Amino acid sequence: MTTVQLELPDQLAQEAERAGLLSAPALEEWLRKQLKQQAAAELIAMLDKLDAVGNDDYMSPEDVAEEIRAMRAEKRLAGRV
């Protein structure tokens, strides 16, 4: 386990302590929530970048399935020769 030391203004520290926000469980919960939000924001930003690229070569799931069927059929025929 890691110990973390924070420097906060006295008034803020007192208010946070009274509200129960400086307890280890409260801080852990807050940090985990922040990490999830950050990860989600990064994923959304990445998806926005991908969307902006405008890839015209997009294949639908049906197209992918058809390509796989065609490749498997090719392999079967090649194995018979």
Protein backbone atom coordinates (compact mmCIF):
# COMPACT_ATOMS: atom_id res chain seq x y z
CA MET A 1 0.00 0.00 0.00
CA THR A 2 1.24 3.52 -0.77
CA THR A 3 1.03 6.52 1.52
CA VAL A 4 0.19 9.84 -0.12
CA GLN A 5 0.73 13.23 1.49
CA LEU A 6 -1.31 16.21 0.29
CA GLU A 7 -0.86 19.89 0.93
CA LEU A 8 -4.22 21.68 1.01
CA PRO A 9 -5.35 25.04 2.26
CA ASP A 10 -6.40 24.68 5.91
CA GLN A 11 -10.03 25.66 5.32
CA LEU A 12 -10.43 23.24 2.43
CA ALA A 13 -8.81 20.41 4.41
CA GLN A 14 -11.10 21.05 7.38
CA GLU A 15 -14.23 21.14 5.23
CA ALA A 16 -13.21 18.00 3.37
CA GLU A 17 -12.44 16.23 6.63
CA ARG A 18 -15.83 17.18 8.09
CA ALA A 19 -17.52 15.91 4.93
CA GLY A 20 -15.66 12.61 5.21
CA LEU A 21 -13.84 13.14 1.94
CA LEU A 22 -10.33 12.61 3.29
CA SER A 23 -10.88 9.07 4.48
CA ALA A 24 -8.97 6.36 2.62
CA PRO A 25 -12.15 4.70 1.27
CA ALA A 26 -13.58 8.03 0.06
CA LEU A 27 -10.33 9.01 -1.64
CA GLU A 28 -9.97 5.57 -3.22
CA GLU A 29 -13.51 5.73 -4.59
CA TRP A 30 -12.94 9.24 -5.95
CA LEU A 31 -9.63 8.28 -7.60
CA ARG A 32 -11.13 5.17 -9.21
CA LYS A 33 -14.04 7.23 -10.55
CA GLN A 34 -11.64 9.84 -11.94
CA LEU A 35 -9.52 7.16 -13.63
CA LYS A 36 -12.61 5.67 -15.28
CA GLN A 37 -13.75 9.09 -16.48
CA GLN A 38 -10.30 9.85 -17.85
CA ALA A 39 -10.13 6.51 -19.66
CA ALA A 40 -13.59 7.09 -21.14
CA ALA A 41 -12.63 10.60 -22.26
CA GLU A 42 -9.45 9.26 -23.90
CA LEU A 43 -11.44 6.56 -25.68
CA ILE A 44 -13.98 9.08 -26.95
CA ALA A 45 -11.17 11.35 -28.16
CA MET A 46 -9.57 8.43 -29.99
CA LEU A 47 -12.89 7.46 -31.57
CA ASP A 48 -13.43 11.07 -32.64
CA LYS A 49 -9.99 11.06 -34.31
CA LEU A 50 -10.79 7.82 -36.10
CA ASP A 51 -14.13 9.21 -37.20
CA ALA A 52 -12.45 12.37 -38.50
CA VAL A 53 -10.13 10.30 -40.69
CA GLY A 54 -13.17 9.23 -42.69
CA ASN A 55 -11.99 5.80 -43.73
CA ASP A 56 -13.84 4.94 -46.96
CA ASP A 57 -12.60 1.37 -46.77
CA TYR A 58 -14.97 0.54 -43.92
CA MET A 59 -16.31 -2.98 -44.05
CA SER A 60 -19.58 -3.92 -42.46
CA PRO A 61 -19.71 -7.06 -40.31
CA GLU A 62 -21.50 -8.77 -43.20
CA ASP A 63 -18.68 -7.81 -45.59
CA VAL A 64 -16.10 -9.19 -43.18
CA ALA A 65 -18.03 -12.45 -42.82
CA GLU A 66 -18.26 -12.78 -46.61
CA GLU A 67 -14.50 -12.21 -46.99
CA ILE A 68 -13.82 -14.89 -44.38
CA ARG A 69 -16.12 -17.35 -46.19
CA ALA A 70 -14.37 -16.62 -49.49
CA MET A 71 -10.90 -17.11 -47.97
CA ARG A 72 -11.94 -20.40 -46.38
CA ALA A 73 -13.39 -21.62 -49.67
CA GLU A 74 -10.14 -20.68 -51.42
CA LYS A 75 -8.12 -22.63 -48.87
CA ARG A 76 -10.36 -25.68 -49.27
CA LEU A 77 -9.95 -25.60 -53.05
CA ALA A 78 -6.18 -25.11 -52.79
CA GLY A 79 -5.95 -28.11 -50.46
CA ARG A 80 -7.64 -30.36 -53.04
CA VAL A 81 -5.19 -29.62 -55.83
